[in-house]
């Protein structure tokens, strides 16, 4: 999908971070922008940024965990813009907790957004993407969709699921002959607010804030850099996009060491120590 100008992009989680940078970068490339988020203030800011770049842009408050709402959103976007051409399922949250300590409430909260949000968006928009005759889906997984990490079982579960779902979808689009490219995105540490908004079992708000500051210091990639990498992946129909040197490291370790990486990571420190340093 080399020609983006004049087409419509749909992006979830666009009130800040990667989603906002995707919206502004695609606006600069002449795309119409349909973006959503639960953060209405941040969403409105992104819409204005896109309009200042000359793009037609509309924002929609959307909880991607609500399947009926996502289907209604897809119909509204089609009414407002016509069939979408690019869909980026980007909305996500984080949770740091051991399996022993993690509550079912927190586990379902994360899975409903990070996995089901991707599935809802894909299923709801797929018919119009196919109808457009020239489309692409980019689903955002993570480096935690490449390796399991202590205290990240819920996030690992969602992001591994996104990876499997997306890889199967790409094959199905090829087999069916539909002109819909599919890319699975694996960002490493990106300077966004996901860590600051994370839930953490057994941690005080102060400890979560401290971990978020530490994450921001070592995050290797800006949201703008991540957005540009994703757009390159879309334009060149790449099956997988690894963002950052840390993502390439996470991709390489299981290939080289195999399942033994689990023993190595498990011995590096106390539970949660590895995730807190990423």
C-alpha atoms as a PDB file:
ATOM      1  CA  UNK A   1       0.000   0.000   0.000  1.00  0.00           C
ATOM      2  CA  UNK A   2       2.431   2.603  -1.221  1.00  0.00           C
ATOM      3  CA  UNK A   3      -0.077   5.390  -1.948  1.00  0.00           C
ATOM      4  CA  UNK A   4      -1.692   6.771   1.232  1.00  0.00           C
ATOM      5  CA  UNK A   5      -2.908  10.164   0.013  1.00  0.00           C
ATOM      6  CA  UNK A   6      -6.667  10.593  -0.133  1.00  0.00           C
ATOM      7  CA  UNK A   7      -7.371   7.440   1.858  1.00  0.00           C
ATOM      8  CA  UNK A   8      -8.769   6.989   5.365  1.00  0.00           C
ATOM      9  CA  UNK A   9      -6.894   5.788   8.436  1.00  0.00           C
ATOM     10  CA  UNK A  10      -8.561   4.492  11.607  1.00  0.00           C
ATOM     11  CA  UNK A  11      -6.422   4.498  14.764  1.00  0.00           C
ATOM     12  CA  UNK A  12      -7.381   3.453  18.287  1.00  0.00           C
ATOM     13  CA  UNK A  13      -5.655   4.801  21.391  1.00  0.00           C
ATOM     14  CA  UNK A  14      -4.841   8.059  19.588  1.00  0.00           C
ATOM     15  CA  UNK A  15      -5.162  10.434  22.524  1.00  0.00           C
ATOM     16  CA  UNK A  16      -1.396  10.292  23.110  1.00  0.00           C
ATOM     17  CA  UNK A  17       1.767   8.316  22.418  1.00  0.00           C
ATOM     18  CA  UNK A  18       2.144   6.140  19.335  1.00  0.00           C
ATOM     19  CA  UNK A  19      -1.494   6.624  18.323  1.00  0.00           C
ATOM     20  CA  UNK A  20      -1.160  10.407  18.287  1.00  0.00           C
ATOM     21  CA  UNK A  21       2.100  10.259  16.325  1.00  0.00           C
ATOM     22  CA  UNK A  22       0.550   7.869  13.810  1.00  0.00           C
ATOM     23  CA  UNK A  23      -2.377  10.239  13.338  1.00  0.00           C
ATOM     24  CA  UNK A  24      -0.200  13.298  12.711  1.00  0.00           C
ATOM     25  CA  UNK A  25       2.252  11.451  10.467  1.00  0.00           C
ATOM     26  CA  UNK A  26      -0.550  10.019   8.338  1.00  0.00           C
ATOM     27  CA  UNK A  27      -2.256  13.420   8.254  1.00  0.00           C
ATOM     28  CA  UNK A  28       0.963  14.862   6.799  1.00  0.00           C
ATOM     29  CA  UNK A  29       0.770  12.182   4.117  1.00  0.00           C
ATOM     30  CA  UNK A  30      -2.663  13.355   3.011  1.00  0.00           C
ATOM     31  CA  UNK A  31      -4.861  10.781   4.736  1.00  0.00           C
ATOM     32  CA  UNK A  32      -8.225  11.459   6.351  1.00  0.00           C
ATOM     33  CA  UNK A  33      -8.017  10.569  10.052  1.00  0.00           C
ATOM     34  CA  UNK A  34     -10.643   8.750  12.159  1.00  0.00           C
ATOM     35  CA  UNK A  35      -9.238   8.337  15.659  1.00  0.00           C
ATOM     36  CA  UNK A  36     -10.560   7.097  18.982  1.00  0.00           C
ATOM     37  CA  UNK A  37      -9.656   6.940  22.661  1.00  0.00           C
ATOM     38  CA  UNK A  38     -11.265   6.931  26.111  1.00  0.00           C
ATOM     39  CA  UNK A  39      -9.243  10.075  26.907  1.00  0.00           C
ATOM     40  CA  UNK A  40     -11.495  12.697  25.350  1.00  0.00           C
ATOM     41  CA  UNK A  41      -9.220  15.639  26.176  1.00  0.00           C
ATOM     42  CA  UNK A  42      -6.172  14.007  24.638  1.00  0.00           C
ATOM     43  CA  UNK A  43      -8.244  12.883  21.659  1.00  0.00           C
ATOM     44  CA  UNK A  44      -9.446  16.429  21.002  1.00  0.00           C
ATOM     45  CA  UNK A  45      -5.847  17.664  21.041  1.00  0.00           C
ATOM     46  CA  UNK A  46      -4.835  15.055  18.473  1.00  0.00           C
ATOM     47  CA  UNK A  47      -7.765  15.986  16.222  1.00  0.00           C
ATOM     48  CA  UNK A  48      -6.719  19.646  16.286  1.00  0.00           C
ATOM     49  CA  UNK A  49      -3.115  18.731  15.506  1.00  0.00           C
ATOM     50  CA  UNK A  50      -4.266  16.767  12.452  1.00  0.00           C
ATOM     51  CA  UNK A  51      -6.534  19.575  11.275  1.00  0.00           C
ATOM     52  CA  UNK A  52      -3.661  22.049  11.501  1.00  0.00           C
ATOM     53  CA  UNK A  53      -1.780  19.766   9.118  1.00  0.00           C
ATOM     54  CA  UNK A  54      -4.628  20.129   6.619  1.00  0.00           C
ATOM     55  CA  UNK A  55      -6.261  16.766   7.182  1.00  0.00           C
ATOM     56  CA  UNK A  56      -9.902  15.966   7.632  1.00  0.00           C
ATOM     57  CA  UNK A  57     -10.005  14.493  11.135  1.00  0.00           C
ATOM     58  CA  UNK A  58     -12.729  13.297  13.492  1.00  0.00           C
ATOM     59  CA  UNK A  59     -12.388  11.937  17.016  1.00  0.00           C
ATOM     60  CA  UNK A  60     -14.630   9.361  18.652  1.00  0.00           C
ATOM     61  CA  UNK A  61     -14.755   8.379  22.311  1.00  0.00           C
ATOM     62  CA  UNK A  62     -14.413   4.585  22.272  1.00  0.00           C
ATOM     63  CA  UNK A  63     -13.793   1.796  24.753  1.00  0.00           C
ATOM     64  CA  UNK A  64     -12.313  -0.960  22.579  1.00  0.00           C
ATOM     65  CA  UNK A  65     -13.283  -3.552  25.199  1.00  0.00           C
ATOM     66  CA  UNK A  66     -16.957  -2.917  24.334  1.00  0.00           C
ATOM     67  CA  UNK A  67     -17.640  -5.059  21.261  1.00  0.00           C
ATOM     68  CA  UNK A  68     -21.003  -3.489  20.419  1.00  0.00           C
ATOM     69  CA  UNK A  69     -19.472  -0.009  20.685  1.00  0.00           C
ATOM     70  CA  UNK A  70     -16.642  -0.975  18.323  1.00  0.00           C
ATOM     71  CA  UNK A  71     -19.093  -2.304  15.730  1.00  0.00           C
ATOM     72  CA  UNK A  72     -21.156   0.881  16.013  1.00  0.00           C
ATOM     73  CA  UNK A  73     -17.943   2.900  15.645  1.00  0.00           C
ATOM     74  CA  UNK A  74     -17.055   1.033  12.448  1.00  0.00           C
ATOM     75  CA  UNK A  75     -20.451   1.877  10.960  1.00  0.00           C
ATOM     76  CA  UNK A  76     -20.121   5.516  12.014  1.00  0.00           C
ATOM     77  CA  UNK A  77     -16.678   5.799  10.436  1.00  0.00           C
ATOM     78  CA  UNK A  78     -18.005   4.305   7.212  1.00  0.00           C
ATOM     79  CA  UNK A  79     -20.883   6.815   7.212  1.00  0.00           C
ATOM     80  CA  UNK A  80     -18.483   9.705   7.897  1.00  0.00           C
ATOM     81  CA  UNK A  81     -15.618   8.778   5.569  1.00  0.00           C
ATOM     82  CA  UNK A  82     -16.599   5.855   3.371  1.00  0.00           C
ATOM     83  CA  UNK A  83     -14.711   2.539   3.617  1.00  0.00           C
ATOM     84  CA  UNK A  84     -11.542   2.706   5.715  1.00  0.00           C
ATOM     85  CA  UNK A  85      -8.211   1.826   4.106  1.00  0.00           C
ATOM     86  CA  UNK A  86      -5.855   1.605   7.084  1.00  0.00           C
ATOM     87  CA  UNK A  87      -6.690   0.246  10.536  1.00  0.00           C
ATOM     88  CA  UNK A  88      -4.197   0.419  13.404  1.00  0.00           C
ATOM     89  CA  UNK A  89      -5.369  -1.383  16.538  1.00  0.00           C
ATOM     90  CA  UNK A  90      -3.097   0.436  18.957  1.00  0.00           C
ATOM     91  CA  UNK A  91      -5.026   0.984  22.215  1.00  0.00           C
ATOM     92  CA  UNK A  92      -3.450  -0.791  25.168  1.00  0.00           C
ATOM     93  CA  UNK A  93      -2.868  -0.866  28.919  1.00  0.00           C
ATOM     94  CA  UNK A  94      -0.304  -2.510  31.212  1.00  0.00           C
ATOM     95  CA  UNK A  95      -0.350  -4.558  34.413  1.00  0.00           C
ATOM     96  CA  UNK A  96       2.549  -5.652  36.604  1.00  0.00           C
ATOM     97  CA  UNK A  97       1.600  -8.564  38.877  1.00  0.00           C
ATOM     98  CA  UNK A  98       2.623 -12.141  39.548  1.00  0.00           C
ATOM     99  CA  UNK A  99       0.162 -14.864  38.654  1.00  0.00           C
ATOM    100  CA  UNK A 100      -0.086 -15.680  42.352  1.00  0.00           C
ATOM    101  CA  UNK A 101      -1.043 -12.114  43.302  1.00  0.00           C
ATOM    102  CA  UNK A 102      -2.963 -10.986  40.223  1.00  0.00           C
ATOM    103  CA  UNK A 103      -6.709 -10.462  40.621  1.00  0.00           C
ATOM    104  CA  UNK A 104      -9.168 -11.783  38.072  1.00  0.00           C
ATOM    105  CA  UNK A 105     -10.549  -8.261  37.756  1.00  0.00           C
ATOM    106  CA  UNK A 106      -7.185  -6.869  36.659  1.00  0.00           C
ATOM    107  CA  UNK A 107      -6.511  -9.863  34.385  1.00  0.00           C
ATOM    108  CA  UNK A 108      -9.830  -9.426  32.557  1.00  0.00           C
ATOM    109  CA  UNK A 109      -9.355  -5.635  32.387  1.00  0.00           C
ATOM    110  CA  UNK A 110      -6.078  -6.027  30.524  1.00  0.00           C
ATOM    111  CA  UNK A 111      -7.207  -8.853  28.231  1.00  0.00           C
ATOM    112  CA  UNK A 112     -10.425  -7.032  27.323  1.00  0.00           C
ATOM    113  CA  UNK A 113      -8.436  -4.039  26.061  1.00  0.00           C
ATOM    114  CA  UNK A 114      -5.136  -5.454  24.818  1.00  0.00           C
ATOM    115  CA  UNK A 115      -6.429  -8.587  23.086  1.00  0.00           C
ATOM    116  CA  UNK A 116     -10.186  -8.323  22.675  1.00  0.00           C
ATOM    117  CA  UNK A 117      -9.845  -4.693  21.634  1.00  0.00           C
ATOM    118  CA  UNK A 118      -7.663  -5.824  18.722  1.00  0.00           C
ATOM    119  CA  UNK A 119     -10.041  -8.659  17.824  1.00  0.00           C
ATOM    120  CA  UNK A 120     -13.094  -6.371  18.038  1.00  0.00           C
ATOM    121  CA  UNK A 121     -11.487  -3.742  15.824  1.00  0.00           C
ATOM    122  CA  UNK A 122     -10.314  -6.244  13.245  1.00  0.00           C
ATOM    123  CA  UNK A 123     -13.641  -8.050  12.968  1.00  0.00           C
ATOM    124  CA  UNK A 124     -15.701  -4.852  12.915  1.00  0.00           C
ATOM    125  CA  UNK A 125     -13.665  -3.086  10.227  1.00  0.00           C
ATOM    126  CA  UNK A 126     -12.607  -6.047   8.078  1.00  0.00           C
ATOM    127  CA  UNK A 127     -15.650  -6.008   5.728  1.00  0.00           C
ATOM    128  CA  UNK A 128     -15.130  -2.367   4.770  1.00  0.00           C
ATOM    129  CA  UNK A 129     -11.370  -2.794   4.492  1.00  0.00           C
ATOM    130  CA  UNK A 130     -11.973  -5.628   2.029  1.00  0.00           C
ATOM    131  CA  UNK A 131     -14.560  -3.514   0.165  1.00  0.00           C
ATOM    132  CA  UNK A 132     -12.071  -0.640  -0.188  1.00  0.00           C
ATOM    133  CA  UNK A 133      -9.931  -2.763  -2.523  1.00  0.00           C
ATOM    134  CA  UNK A 134      -6.669  -1.411  -1.081  1.00  0.00           C
ATOM    135  CA  UNK A 135      -6.253  -1.753   2.666  1.00  0.00           C
ATOM    136  CA  UNK A 136      -3.942  -2.614   5.520  1.00  0.00           C
ATOM    137  CA  UNK A 137      -4.311  -3.705   9.149  1.00  0.00           C
ATOM    138  CA  UNK A 138      -1.537  -3.128  11.693  1.00  0.00           C
ATOM    139  CA  UNK A 139      -2.085  -4.745  15.088  1.00  0.00           C
ATOM    140  CA  UNK A 140       0.178  -3.611  17.907  1.00  0.00           C
ATOM    141  CA  UNK A 141       1.652  -6.447  19.951  1.00  0.00           C
ATOM    142  CA  UNK A 142       4.854  -5.864  21.961  1.00  0.00           C
ATOM    143  CA  UNK A 143       8.291  -7.274  22.668  1.00  0.00           C
ATOM    144  CA  UNK A 144       6.332  -9.108  25.375  1.00  0.00           C
ATOM    145  CA  UNK A 145       4.652 -10.924  22.501  1.00  0.00           C
ATOM    146  CA  UNK A 146       8.073 -12.415  21.715  1.00  0.00           C
ATOM    147  CA  UNK A 147       9.308 -13.446  25.192  1.00  0.00           C
ATOM    148  CA  UNK A 148       7.641 -14.259  28.489  1.00  0.00           C
ATOM    149  CA  UNK A 149       8.701 -12.051  31.418  1.00  0.00           C
ATOM    150  CA  UNK A 150       8.099 -12.418  35.191  1.00  0.00           C
ATOM    151  CA  UNK A 151       5.247 -10.239  36.518  1.00  0.00           C
ATOM    152  CA  UNK A 152       3.955  -9.740  32.959  1.00  0.00           C
ATOM    153  CA  UNK A 153       1.849 -12.884  32.518  1.00  0.00           C
ATOM    154  CA  UNK A 154      -1.335 -10.959  31.679  1.00  0.00           C
ATOM    155  CA  UNK A 155       0.459  -8.631  29.254  1.00  0.00           C
ATOM    156  CA  UNK A 156       2.342 -11.586  27.753  1.00  0.00           C
ATOM    157  CA  UNK A 157      -0.948 -13.450  27.327  1.00  0.00           C
ATOM    158  CA  UNK A 158      -2.555 -10.573  25.453  1.00  0.00           C
ATOM    159  CA  UNK A 159       0.426  -9.724  23.294  1.00  0.00           C
ATOM    160  CA  UNK A 160       1.236 -13.329  22.345  1.00  0.00           C
ATOM    161  CA  UNK A 161      -2.454 -13.680  21.449  1.00  0.00           C
ATOM    162  CA  UNK A 162      -2.327 -10.548  19.281  1.00  0.00           C
ATOM    163  CA  UNK A 163       0.694 -11.980  17.503  1.00  0.00           C
ATOM    164  CA  UNK A 164      -0.972 -15.335  16.765  1.00  0.00           C
ATOM    165  CA  UNK A 165      -4.244 -13.693  15.743  1.00  0.00           C
ATOM    166  CA  UNK A 166      -2.474 -11.285  13.396  1.00  0.00           C
ATOM    167  CA  UNK A 167      -0.197 -13.877  11.807  1.00  0.00           C
ATOM    168  CA  UNK A 168      -3.215 -16.105  11.096  1.00  0.00           C
ATOM    169  CA  UNK A 169      -5.113 -13.134   9.667  1.00  0.00           C
ATOM    170  CA  UNK A 170      -2.301 -12.298   7.243  1.00  0.00           C
ATOM    171  CA  UNK A 171      -2.324 -15.857   5.917  1.00  0.00           C
ATOM    172  CA  UNK A 172      -6.110 -15.814   5.558  1.00  0.00           C
ATOM    173  CA  UNK A 173      -6.013 -12.585   3.553  1.00  0.00           C
ATOM    174  CA  UNK A 174      -3.426 -14.134   1.217  1.00  0.00           C
ATOM    175  CA  UNK A 175      -5.418 -17.352   0.806  1.00  0.00           C
ATOM    176  CA  UNK A 176      -8.653 -15.483   0.143  1.00  0.00           C
ATOM    177  CA  UNK A 177      -7.069 -13.108  -2.377  1.00  0.00           C
ATOM    178  CA  UNK A 178      -8.316 -10.048  -0.505  1.00  0.00           C
ATOM    179  CA  UNK A 179      -6.221  -6.937  -1.054  1.00  0.00           C
ATOM    180  CA  UNK A 180      -5.673  -6.388   2.657  1.00  0.00           C
ATOM    181  CA  UNK A 181      -2.108  -6.360   3.958  1.00  0.00           C
ATOM    182  CA  UNK A 182      -1.510  -7.314   7.589  1.00  0.00           C
ATOM    183  CA  UNK A 183       1.354  -6.375   9.911  1.00  0.00           C
ATOM    184  CA  UNK A 184       2.099  -7.354  13.500  1.00  0.00           C
ATOM    185  CA  UNK A 185       3.949  -4.586  15.359  1.00  0.00           C
ATOM    186  CA  UNK A 186       6.356  -5.330  18.225  1.00  0.00           C
ATOM    187  CA  UNK A 187       7.481  -2.102  19.928  1.00  0.00           C
ATOM    188  CA  UNK A 188      10.239  -2.147  22.509  1.00  0.00           C
ATOM    189  CA  UNK A 189      10.442   0.630  25.079  1.00  0.00           C
ATOM    190  CA  UNK A 190       8.575   3.660  23.721  1.00  0.00           C
ATOM    191  CA  UNK A 191       8.393   6.987  25.558  1.00  0.00           C
ATOM    192  CA  UNK A 192       4.633   6.928  26.206  1.00  0.00           C
ATOM    193  CA  UNK A 193       2.408   7.113  29.283  1.00  0.00           C
ATOM    194  CA  UNK A 194       1.522   3.393  29.312  1.00  0.00           C
ATOM    195  CA  UNK A 195       3.776   2.712  32.311  1.00  0.00           C
ATOM    196  CA  UNK A 196       2.407   5.686  34.232  1.00  0.00           C
ATOM    197  CA  UNK A 197      -1.146   4.415  33.702  1.00  0.00           C
ATOM    198  CA  UNK A 198      -0.361   0.778  34.475  1.00  0.00           C
ATOM    199  CA  UNK A 199      -1.925  -1.218  37.279  1.00  0.00           C
ATOM    200  CA  UNK A 200       0.347  -3.035  39.686  1.00  0.00           C
ATOM    201  CA  UNK A 201      -0.628  -5.607  42.282  1.00  0.00           C
ATOM    202  CA  UNK A 202       1.174  -5.208  45.601  1.00  0.00           C
ATOM    203  CA  UNK A 203       2.661  -1.833  44.621  1.00  0.00           C
ATOM    204  CA  UNK A 204       1.864   1.591  46.019  1.00  0.00           C
ATOM    205  CA  UNK A 205       1.056   4.519  43.692  1.00  0.00           C
ATOM    206  CA  UNK A 206       4.464   5.928  44.568  1.00  0.00           C
ATOM    207  CA  UNK A 207       6.198   2.694  43.518  1.00  0.00           C
ATOM    208  CA  UNK A 208       4.276   2.632  40.234  1.00  0.00           C
ATOM    209  CA  UNK A 209       5.224   6.275  39.570  1.00  0.00           C
ATOM    210  CA  UNK A 210       8.880   5.509  40.312  1.00  0.00           C
ATOM    211  CA  UNK A 211       8.830   2.528  37.948  1.00  0.00           C
ATOM    212  CA  UNK A 212       7.227   4.685  35.251  1.00  0.00           C
ATOM    213  CA  UNK A 213      10.009   7.291  35.585  1.00  0.00           C
ATOM    214  CA  UNK A 214      12.608   4.545  35.343  1.00  0.00           C
ATOM    215  CA  UNK A 215      10.897   3.136  32.248  1.00  0.00           C
ATOM    216  CA  UNK A 216      10.880   6.553  30.597  1.00  0.00           C
ATOM    217  CA  UNK A 217      14.619   6.945  31.190  1.00  0.00           C
ATOM    218  CA  UNK A 218      15.492   3.700  29.405  1.00  0.00           C
ATOM    219  CA  UNK A 219      12.809   3.756  26.695  1.00  0.00           C
ATOM    220  CA  UNK A 220      14.821   3.720  23.508  1.00  0.00           C
ATOM    221  CA  UNK A 221      12.343   5.072  20.943  1.00  0.00           C
ATOM    222  CA  UNK A 222      10.124   8.142  20.620  1.00  0.00           C
ATOM    223  CA  UNK A 223       6.465   7.794  19.607  1.00  0.00           C
ATOM    224  CA  UNK A 224       7.305   9.625  16.371  1.00  0.00           C
ATOM    225  CA  UNK A 225      10.050   7.135  15.580  1.00  0.00           C
ATOM    226  CA  UNK A 226       7.684   4.253  16.304  1.00  0.00           C
ATOM    227  CA  UNK A 227       4.982   5.771  14.103  1.00  0.00           C
ATOM    228  CA  UNK A 228       7.362   6.182  11.167  1.00  0.00           C
ATOM    229  CA  UNK A 229       8.473   2.543  11.519  1.00  0.00           C
ATOM    230  CA  UNK A 230       4.861   1.359  11.502  1.00  0.00           C
ATOM    231  CA  UNK A 231       4.050   3.450   8.433  1.00  0.00           C
ATOM    232  CA  UNK A 232       7.052   1.977   6.601  1.00  0.00           C
ATOM    233  CA  UNK A 233       5.771  -1.455   7.528  1.00  0.00           C
ATOM    234  CA  UNK A 234       2.333  -0.630   6.147  1.00  0.00           C
ATOM    235  CA  UNK A 235       3.683   0.845   2.912  1.00  0.00           C
ATOM    236  CA  UNK A 236       5.905  -2.173   2.278  1.00  0.00           C
ATOM    237  CA  UNK A 237       3.423  -4.772   3.571  1.00  0.00           C
ATOM    238  CA  UNK A 238       5.840  -6.200   6.120  1.00  0.00           C
ATOM    239  CA  UNK A 239       4.573  -9.195   8.112  1.00  0.00           C
ATOM    240  CA  UNK A 240       6.352  -7.997  11.249  1.00  0.00           C
ATOM    241  CA  UNK A 241       7.757  -4.667  12.442  1.00  0.00           C
ATOM    242  CA  UNK A 242      10.300  -4.657  15.271  1.00  0.00           C
ATOM    243  CA  UNK A 243      10.701  -1.211  16.804  1.00  0.00           C
ATOM    244  CA  UNK A 244      13.968  -0.449  18.574  1.00  0.00           C
ATOM    245  CA  UNK A 245      17.167  -2.344  19.317  1.00  0.00           C
ATOM    246  CA  UNK A 246      15.482  -3.840  22.382  1.00  0.00           C
ATOM    247  CA  UNK A 247      12.798  -5.351  20.143  1.00  0.00           C
ATOM    248  CA  UNK A 248      15.447  -6.946  17.944  1.00  0.00           C
ATOM    249  CA  UNK A 249      17.087  -8.337  21.100  1.00  0.00           C
ATOM    250  CA  UNK A 250      13.803  -9.823  22.317  1.00  0.00           C
ATOM    251  CA  UNK A 251      13.258 -11.349  18.887  1.00  0.00           C
ATOM    252  CA  UNK A 252      16.742 -12.866  18.747  1.00  0.00           C
ATOM    253  CA  UNK A 253      17.049 -14.404  22.213  1.00  0.00           C
ATOM    254  CA  UNK A 254      14.411 -17.161  21.840  1.00  0.00           C
ATOM    255  CA  UNK A 255      15.798 -17.988  18.401  1.00  0.00           C
ATOM    256  CA  UNK A 256      19.336 -18.427  19.759  1.00  0.00           C
ATOM    257  CA  UNK A 257      18.735 -19.833  23.228  1.00  0.00           C
ATOM    258  CA  UNK A 258      15.388 -21.520  22.725  1.00  0.00           C
ATOM    259  CA  UNK A 259      13.236 -22.264  25.741  1.00  0.00           C
ATOM    260  CA  UNK A 260      16.232 -22.010  28.066  1.00  0.00           C
ATOM    261  CA  UNK A 261      15.843 -18.216  28.062  1.00  0.00           C
ATOM    262  CA  UNK A 262      13.087 -18.773  30.642  1.00  0.00           C
ATOM    263  CA  UNK A 263      15.595 -20.213  33.129  1.00  0.00           C
ATOM    264  CA  UNK A 264      18.067 -17.396  32.486  1.00  0.00           C
ATOM    265  CA  UNK A 265      15.497 -14.618  32.918  1.00  0.00           C
ATOM    266  CA  UNK A 266      14.046 -16.336  35.958  1.00  0.00           C
ATOM    267  CA  UNK A 267      17.433 -16.216  37.703  1.00  0.00           C
ATOM    268  CA  UNK A 268      18.283 -12.595  36.892  1.00  0.00           C
ATOM    269  CA  UNK A 269      16.567 -11.248  39.975  1.00  0.00           C
ATOM    270  CA  UNK A 270      13.455 -11.170  42.056  1.00  0.00           C
ATOM    271  CA  UNK A 271      10.069 -11.512  40.402  1.00  0.00           C
ATOM    272  CA  UNK A 272       9.226  -8.250  38.662  1.00  0.00           C
ATOM    273  CA  UNK A 273      12.821  -7.042  38.637  1.00  0.00           C
ATOM    274  CA  UNK A 274      13.305  -7.752  34.943  1.00  0.00           C
ATOM    275  CA  UNK A 275      10.097  -6.001  33.895  1.00  0.00           C
ATOM    276  CA  UNK A 276      10.883  -2.967  36.061  1.00  0.00           C
ATOM    277  CA  UNK A 277      14.159  -2.508  34.163  1.00  0.00           C
ATOM    278  CA  UNK A 278      12.571  -2.645  30.711  1.00  0.00           C
END
